[in-house]
Amino acid sequence: MYIFISKEILRKIKYIHLNKKKIFYIKNKSTTLNKKLKQNILYIYNGKTYILFNWNYKKLGYKMGNFINTKKF
């Protein structure tokens, strides 16, 4: 089972971070996180409800695109 992220949320996050550091890179229907993140909040859409996905780590050195994919409706 994959966790799907709503494209509207990705657009909002991309718009918010447009003037700041670019954190999210959307490539091939997936997101890649390879920057340092501190207390970032993301809502994940699993098909029925939005789930709060909160990062509280100093470093994320892995690609989240391996298990978080976007879905076309």
PDB file of N, CA and C in Angstrom:
ATOM      1  N   MET A   1       0.844  -1.188   0.000  1.00  0.00           N
ATOM      2  CA  MET A   1       0.000   0.000   0.000  1.00  0.00           C
ATOM      3  C   MET A   1       0.882   1.241   0.000  1.00  0.00           C
ATOM      4  N   TYR A   2       0.618   2.144  -0.916  1.00  0.00           N
ATOM      5  CA  TYR A   2       1.367   3.375  -1.018  1.00  0.00           C
ATOM      6  C   TYR A   2       0.633   4.502  -0.301  1.00  0.00           C
ATOM      7  N   ILE A   3       1.394   5.462   0.176  1.00  0.00           N
ATOM      8  CA  ILE A   3       0.828   6.671   0.769  1.00  0.00           C
ATOM      9  C   ILE A   3       0.831   7.739  -0.315  1.00  0.00           C
ATOM     10  N   PHE A   4      -0.331   8.308  -0.596  1.00  0.00           N
ATOM     11  CA  PHE A   4      -0.451   9.276  -1.673  1.00  0.00           C
ATOM     12  C   PHE A   4      -0.497  10.694  -1.114  1.00  0.00           C
ATOM     13  N   ILE A   5       0.172  11.604  -1.795  1.00  0.00           N
ATOM     14  CA  ILE A   5       0.163  13.019  -1.433  1.00  0.00           C
ATOM     15  C   ILE A   5      -0.686  13.756  -2.451  1.00  0.00           C
ATOM     16  N   SER A   6      -1.595  14.574  -1.952  1.00  0.00           N
ATOM     17  CA  SER A   6      -2.434  15.359  -2.844  1.00  0.00           C
ATOM     18  C   SER A   6      -1.584  16.391  -3.590  1.00  0.00           C
ATOM     19  N   LYS A   7      -1.849  16.567  -4.875  1.00  0.00           N
ATOM     20  CA  LYS A   7      -1.077  17.518  -5.669  1.00  0.00           C
ATOM     21  C   LYS A   7      -1.341  18.957  -5.244  1.00  0.00           C
ATOM     22  N   GLU A   8      -2.526  19.232  -4.704  1.00  0.00           N
ATOM     23  CA  GLU A   8      -2.818  20.580  -4.225  1.00  0.00           C
ATOM     24  C   GLU A   8      -1.906  20.946  -3.070  1.00  0.00           C
ATOM     25  N   ILE A   9      -1.649  19.990  -2.184  1.00  0.00           N
ATOM     26  CA  ILE A   9      -0.767  20.247  -1.045  1.00  0.00           C
ATOM     27  C   ILE A   9       0.660  20.463  -1.527  1.00  0.00           C
ATOM     28  N   LEU A  10       1.091  19.680  -2.498  1.00  0.00           N
ATOM     29  CA  LEU A  10       2.436  19.860  -3.040  1.00  0.00           C
ATOM     30  C   LEU A  10       2.591  21.227  -3.693  1.00  0.00           C
ATOM     31  N   ARG A  11       1.540  21.692  -4.389  1.00  0.00           N
ATOM     32  CA  ARG A  11       1.600  23.023  -5.004  1.00  0.00           C
ATOM     33  C   ARG A  11       1.681  24.112  -3.944  1.00  0.00           C
ATOM     34  N   LYS A  12       0.914  23.965  -2.860  1.00  0.00           N
ATOM     35  CA  LYS A  12       0.954  24.957  -1.789  1.00  0.00           C
ATOM     36  C   LYS A  12       2.317  24.991  -1.122  1.00  0.00           C
ATOM     37  N   ILE A  13       2.881  23.814  -0.874  1.00  0.00           N
ATOM     38  CA  ILE A  13       4.198  23.758  -0.239  1.00  0.00           C
ATOM     39  C   ILE A  13       5.254  24.352  -1.158  1.00  0.00           C
ATOM     40  N   LYS A  14       5.154  24.061  -2.431  1.00  0.00           N
ATOM     41  CA  LYS A  14       6.112  24.597  -3.392  1.00  0.00           C
ATOM     42  C   LYS A  14       5.977  26.115  -3.488  1.00  0.00           C
ATOM     43  N   TYR A  15       4.748  26.627  -3.411  1.00  0.00           N
ATOM     44  CA  TYR A  15       4.523  28.070  -3.462  1.00  0.00           C
ATOM     45  C   TYR A  15       5.053  28.754  -2.206  1.00  0.00           C
ATOM     46  N   ILE A  16       4.868  28.116  -1.034  1.00  0.00           N
ATOM     47  CA  ILE A  16       5.339  28.695   0.227  1.00  0.00           C
ATOM     48  C   ILE A  16       6.859  28.767   0.242  1.00  0.00           C
ATOM     49  N   HIS A  17       7.508  27.718  -0.226  1.00  0.00           N
ATOM     50  CA  HIS A  17       8.961  27.656  -0.182  1.00  0.00           C
ATOM     51  C   HIS A  17       9.612  28.217  -1.442  1.00  0.00           C
ATOM     52  N   LEU A  18       8.846  28.951  -2.240  1.00  0.00           N
ATOM     53  CA  LEU A  18       9.387  29.474  -3.490  1.00  0.00           C
ATOM     54  C   LEU A  18      10.472  30.505  -3.217  1.00  0.00           C
ATOM     55  N   ASN A  19      10.245  31.382  -2.237  1.00  0.00           N
ATOM     56  CA  ASN A  19      11.221  32.405  -1.923  1.00  0.00           C
ATOM     57  C   ASN A  19      12.271  31.909  -0.941  1.00  0.00           C
ATOM     58  N   LYS A  20      12.005  30.770  -0.311  1.00  0.00           N
ATOM     59  CA  LYS A  20      12.954  30.206   0.647  1.00  0.00           C
ATOM     60  C   LYS A  20      13.787  29.142  -0.053  1.00  0.00           C
ATOM     61  N   LYS A  21      14.389  28.272   0.728  1.00  0.00           N
ATOM     62  CA  LYS A  21      15.161  27.173   0.150  1.00  0.00           C
ATOM     63  C   LYS A  21      14.219  26.199  -0.533  1.00  0.00           C
ATOM     64  N   LYS A  22      14.639  25.691  -1.656  1.00  0.00           N
ATOM     65  CA  LYS A  22      13.826  24.705  -2.359  1.00  0.00           C
ATOM     66  C   LYS A  22      14.028  23.358  -1.686  1.00  0.00           C
ATOM     67  N   ILE A  23      12.967  22.832  -1.132  1.00  0.00           N
ATOM     68  CA  ILE A  23      13.045  21.574  -0.396  1.00  0.00           C
ATOM     69  C   ILE A  23      12.488  20.435  -1.226  1.00  0.00           C
ATOM     70  N   PHE A  24      11.359  20.662  -1.864  1.00  0.00           N
ATOM     71  CA  PHE A  24      10.685  19.592  -2.577  1.00  0.00           C
ATOM     72  C   PHE A  24      11.006  19.671  -4.061  1.00  0.00           C
ATOM     73  N   TYR A  25      11.421  18.566  -4.607  1.00  0.00           N
ATOM     74  CA  TYR A  25      11.649  18.449  -6.032  1.00  0.00           C
ATOM     75  C   TYR A  25      10.711  17.382  -6.560  1.00  0.00           C
ATOM     76  N   ILE A  26       9.807  17.759  -7.451  1.00  0.00           N
ATOM     77  CA  ILE A  26       8.819  16.818  -7.968  1.00  0.00           C
ATOM     78  C   ILE A  26       9.367  16.236  -9.273  1.00  0.00           C
ATOM     79  N   LYS A  27       9.670  14.960  -9.247  1.00  0.00           N
ATOM     80  CA  LYS A  27      10.204  14.277 -10.420  1.00  0.00           C
ATOM     81  C   LYS A  27       9.526  12.927 -10.540  1.00  0.00           C
ATOM     82  N   ASN A  28       8.988  12.663 -11.699  1.00  0.00           N
ATOM     83  CA  ASN A  28       8.396  11.364 -12.004  1.00  0.00           C
ATOM     84  C   ASN A  28       7.365  10.930 -10.959  1.00  0.00           C
ATOM     85  N   LYS A  29       6.450  11.834 -10.628  1.00  0.00           N
ATOM     86  CA  LYS A  29       5.360  11.574  -9.692  1.00  0.00           C
ATOM     87  C   LYS A  29       5.845  11.216  -8.291  1.00  0.00           C
ATOM     88  N   SER A  30       7.019  11.671  -7.894  1.00  0.00           N
ATOM     89  CA  SER A  30       7.498  11.393  -6.546  1.00  0.00           C
ATOM     90  C   SER A  30       8.241  12.605  -6.016  1.00  0.00           C
ATOM     91  N   THR A  31       8.432  12.656  -4.709  1.00  0.00           N
ATOM     92  CA  THR A  31       9.162  13.750  -4.093  1.00  0.00           C
ATOM     93  C   THR A  31      10.493  13.240  -3.580  1.00  0.00           C
ATOM     94  N   THR A  32      11.503  14.056  -3.701  1.00  0.00           N
ATOM     95  CA  THR A  32      12.825  13.706  -3.216  1.00  0.00           C
ATOM     96  C   THR A  32      13.243  14.736  -2.182  1.00  0.00           C
ATOM     97  N   LEU A  33      13.547  14.270  -1.000  1.00  0.00           N
ATOM     98  CA  LEU A  33      13.978  15.164   0.067  1.00  0.00           C
ATOM     99  C   LEU A  33      15.438  14.874   0.373  1.00  0.00           C
ATOM    100  N   ASN A  34      16.290  15.825   0.123  1.00  0.00           N
ATOM    101  CA  ASN A  34      17.691  15.633   0.434  1.00  0.00           C
ATOM    102  C   ASN A  34      18.282  16.877   1.082  1.00  0.00           C
ATOM    103  N   LYS A  35      17.444  17.656   1.724  1.00  0.00           N
ATOM    104  CA  LYS A  35      17.892  18.867   2.388  1.00  0.00           C
ATOM    105  C   LYS A  35      17.720  18.708   3.891  1.00  0.00           C
ATOM    106  N   LYS A  36      18.298  19.627   4.636  1.00  0.00           N
ATOM    107  CA  LYS A  36      18.119  19.619   6.081  1.00  0.00           C
ATOM    108  C   LYS A  36      16.760  20.230   6.409  1.00  0.00           C
ATOM    109  N   LEU A  37      15.976  19.518   7.199  1.00  0.00           N
ATOM    110  CA  LEU A  37      14.634  19.972   7.540  1.00  0.00           C
ATOM    111  C   LEU A  37      14.517  20.102   9.049  1.00  0.00           C
ATOM    112  N   LYS A  38      13.777  21.084   9.489  1.00  0.00           N
ATOM    113  CA  LYS A  38      13.514  21.265  10.911  1.00  0.00           C
ATOM    114  C   LYS A  38      12.044  21.603  11.093  1.00  0.00           C
ATOM    115  N   GLN A  39      11.320  20.737  11.769  1.00  0.00           N
ATOM    116  CA  GLN A  39       9.915  20.930  12.139  1.00  0.00           C
ATOM    117  C   GLN A  39       9.058  21.314  10.940  1.00  0.00           C
ATOM    118  N   ASN A  40       9.094  20.513   9.924  1.00  0.00           N
ATOM    119  CA  ASN A  40       8.246  20.736   8.757  1.00  0.00           C
ATOM    120  C   ASN A  40       6.990  19.891   8.869  1.00  0.00           C
ATOM    121  N   ILE A  41       5.863  20.459   8.514  1.00  0.00           N
ATOM    122  CA  ILE A  41       4.580  19.780   8.633  1.00  0.00           C
ATOM    123  C   ILE A  41       4.028  19.542   7.232  1.00  0.00           C
ATOM    124  N   LEU A  42       3.588  18.325   6.984  1.00  0.00           N
ATOM    125  CA  LEU A  42       3.032  17.964   5.684  1.00  0.00           C
ATOM    126  C   LEU A  42       1.807  17.105   5.915  1.00  0.00           C
ATOM    127  N   TYR A  43       0.747  17.392   5.201  1.00  0.00           N
ATOM    128  CA  TYR A  43      -0.453  16.577   5.273  1.00  0.00           C
ATOM    129  C   TYR A  43      -0.465  15.602   4.105  1.00  0.00           C
ATOM    130  N   ILE A  44      -0.639  14.323   4.400  1.00  0.00           N
ATOM    131  CA  ILE A  44      -0.635  13.271   3.388  1.00  0.00           C
ATOM    132  C   ILE A  44      -2.062  12.814   3.160  1.00  0.00           C
ATOM    133  N   TYR A  45      -2.449  12.752   1.907  1.00  0.00           N
ATOM    134  CA  TYR A  45      -3.789  12.304   1.533  1.00  0.00           C
ATOM    135  C   TYR A  45      -3.726  10.841   1.144  1.00  0.00           C
ATOM    136  N   ASN A  46      -4.440   9.982   1.868  1.00  0.00           N
ATOM    137  CA  ASN A  46      -4.374   8.543   1.617  1.00  0.00           C
ATOM    138  C   ASN A  46      -5.573   8.031   0.841  1.00  0.00           C
ATOM    139  N   GLY A  47      -6.373   8.907   0.277  1.00  0.00           N
ATOM    140  CA  GLY A  47      -7.530   8.487  -0.494  1.00  0.00           C
ATOM    141  C   GLY A  47      -8.835   8.795   0.205  1.00  0.00           C
ATOM    142  N   LYS A  48      -8.797   8.908   1.532  1.00  0.00           N
ATOM    143  CA  LYS A  48     -10.004   9.208   2.297  1.00  0.00           C
ATOM    144  C   LYS A  48      -9.832  10.441   3.168  1.00  0.00           C
ATOM    145  N   THR A  49      -8.754  10.492   3.926  1.00  0.00           N
ATOM    146  CA  THR A  49      -8.539  11.598   4.855  1.00  0.00           C
ATOM    147  C   THR A  49      -7.119  12.131   4.714  1.00  0.00           C
ATOM    148  N   TYR A  50      -6.894  13.299   5.322  1.00  0.00           N
ATOM    149  CA  TYR A  50      -5.564  13.881   5.374  1.00  0.00           C
ATOM    150  C   TYR A  50      -4.906  13.487   6.692  1.00  0.00           C
ATOM    151  N   ILE A  51      -3.673  12.997   6.615  1.00  0.00           N
ATOM    152  CA  ILE A  51      -2.931  12.554   7.789  1.00  0.00           C
ATOM    153  C   ILE A  51      -1.769  13.513   8.000  1.00  0.00           C
ATOM    154  N   LEU A  52      -1.596  13.946   9.252  1.00  0.00           N
ATOM    155  CA  LEU A  52      -0.494  14.838   9.580  1.00  0.00           C
ATOM    156  C   LEU A  52       0.813  14.049   9.600  1.00  0.00           C
ATOM    157  N   PHE A  53       1.801  14.522   8.859  1.00  0.00           N
ATOM    158  CA  PHE A  53       3.107  13.876   8.778  1.00  0.00           C
ATOM    159  C   PHE A  53       4.127  14.916   9.187  1.00  0.00           C
ATOM    160  N   ASN A  54       4.626  14.824  10.415  1.00  0.00           N
ATOM    161  CA  ASN A  54       5.464  15.869  10.994  1.00  0.00           C
ATOM    162  C   ASN A  54       6.900  15.386  11.087  1.00  0.00           C
ATOM    163  N   TRP A  55       7.827  16.166  10.515  1.00  0.00           N
ATOM    164  CA  TRP A  55       9.248  15.865  10.639  1.00  0.00           C
ATOM    165  C   TRP A  55       9.815  16.666  11.788  1.00  0.00           C
ATOM    166  N   ASN A  56      10.603  16.029  12.611  1.00  0.00           N
ATOM    167  CA  ASN A  56      11.319  16.731  13.661  1.00  0.00           C
ATOM    168  C   ASN A  56      12.746  16.189  13.721  1.00  0.00           C
ATOM    169  N   TYR A  57      13.383  16.104  12.570  1.00  0.00           N
ATOM    170  CA  TYR A  57      14.726  15.562  12.471  1.00  0.00           C
ATOM    171  C   TYR A  57      15.684  16.657  12.029  1.00  0.00           C
ATOM    172  N   LYS A  58      16.950  16.489  12.320  1.00  0.00           N
ATOM    173  CA  LYS A  58      17.950  17.447  11.874  1.00  0.00           C
ATOM    174  C   LYS A  58      18.361  17.188  10.432  1.00  0.00           C
ATOM    175  N   LYS A  59      18.431  15.933  10.056  1.00  0.00           N
ATOM    176  CA  LYS A  59      18.837  15.597   8.693  1.00  0.00           C
ATOM    177  C   LYS A  59      17.950  14.499   8.146  1.00  0.00           C
ATOM    178  N   LEU A  60      17.649  14.599   6.888  1.00  0.00           N
ATOM    179  CA  LEU A  60      17.010  13.516   6.147  1.00  0.00           C
ATOM    180  C   LEU A  60      17.881  13.263   4.927  1.00  0.00           C
ATOM    181  N   GLY A  61      18.583  12.162   4.938  1.00  0.00           N
ATOM    182  CA  GLY A  61      19.509  11.889   3.858  1.00  0.00           C
ATOM    183  C   GLY A  61      19.039  10.769   2.959  1.00  0.00           C
ATOM    184  N   TYR A  62      17.754  10.559   2.906  1.00  0.00           N
ATOM    185  CA  TYR A  62      17.229   9.489   2.065  1.00  0.00           C
ATOM    186  C   TYR A  62      16.164  10.055   1.142  1.00  0.00           C
ATOM    187  N   LYS A  63      15.789   9.290   0.167  1.00  0.00           N
ATOM    188  CA  LYS A  63      14.788   9.726  -0.796  1.00  0.00           C
ATOM    189  C   LYS A  63      13.429   9.200  -0.375  1.00  0.00           C
ATOM    190  N   MET A  64      12.502  10.119  -0.128  1.00  0.00           N
ATOM    191  CA  MET A  64      11.159   9.715   0.260  1.00  0.00           C
ATOM    192  C   MET A  64      10.352   9.280  -0.947  1.00  0.00           C
ATOM    193  N   GLY A  65      10.854   9.535  -2.135  1.00  0.00           N
ATOM    194  CA  GLY A  65      10.151   9.120  -3.340  1.00  0.00           C
ATOM    195  C   GLY A  65      10.061   7.616  -3.483  1.00  0.00           C
ATOM    196  N   ASN A  66      10.825   6.901  -2.656  1.00  0.00           N
ATOM    197  CA  ASN A  66      10.759   5.447  -2.717  1.00  0.00           C
ATOM    198  C   ASN A  66       9.434   4.926  -2.175  1.00  0.00           C
ATOM    199  N   PHE A  67       8.824   5.646  -1.231  1.00  0.00           N
ATOM    200  CA  PHE A  67       7.572   5.149  -0.674  1.00  0.00           C
ATOM    201  C   PHE A  67       6.455   6.176  -0.638  1.00  0.00           C
ATOM    202  N   ILE A  68       6.704   7.399  -1.051  1.00  0.00           N
ATOM    203  CA  ILE A  68       5.630   8.392  -1.139  1.00  0.00           C
ATOM    204  C   ILE A  68       5.501   8.807  -2.601  1.00  0.00           C
ATOM    205  N   ASN A  69       4.392   8.512  -3.191  1.00  0.00           N
ATOM    206  CA  ASN A  69       4.149   8.828  -4.596  1.00  0.00           C
ATOM    207  C   ASN A  69       2.896   9.683  -4.721  1.00  0.00           C
ATOM    208  N   THR A  70       2.854  10.489  -5.760  1.00  0.00           N
ATOM    209  CA  THR A  70       1.634  11.232  -6.043  1.00  0.00           C
ATOM    210  C   THR A  70       0.731  10.379  -6.912  1.00  0.00           C
ATOM    211  N   LYS A  71      -0.532  10.697  -6.900  1.00  0.00           N
ATOM    212  CA  LYS A  71      -1.515   9.893  -7.621  1.00  0.00           C
ATOM    213  C   LYS A  71      -2.374  10.802  -8.481  1.00  0.00           C
ATOM    214  N   LYS A  72      -2.609  10.408  -9.716  1.00  0.00           N
ATOM    215  CA  LYS A  72      -3.513  11.147 -10.591  1.00  0.00           C
ATOM    216  C   LYS A  72      -4.929  10.638 -10.378  1.00  0.00           C
ATOM    217  N   PHE A  73      -5.861  11.580 -10.245  1.00  0.00           N
ATOM    218  CA  PHE A  73      -7.263  11.201 -10.050  1.00  0.00           C
ATOM    219  C   PHE A  73      -8.026  11.392 -11.344  1.00  0.00           C
TER     220      PHE A  73
END
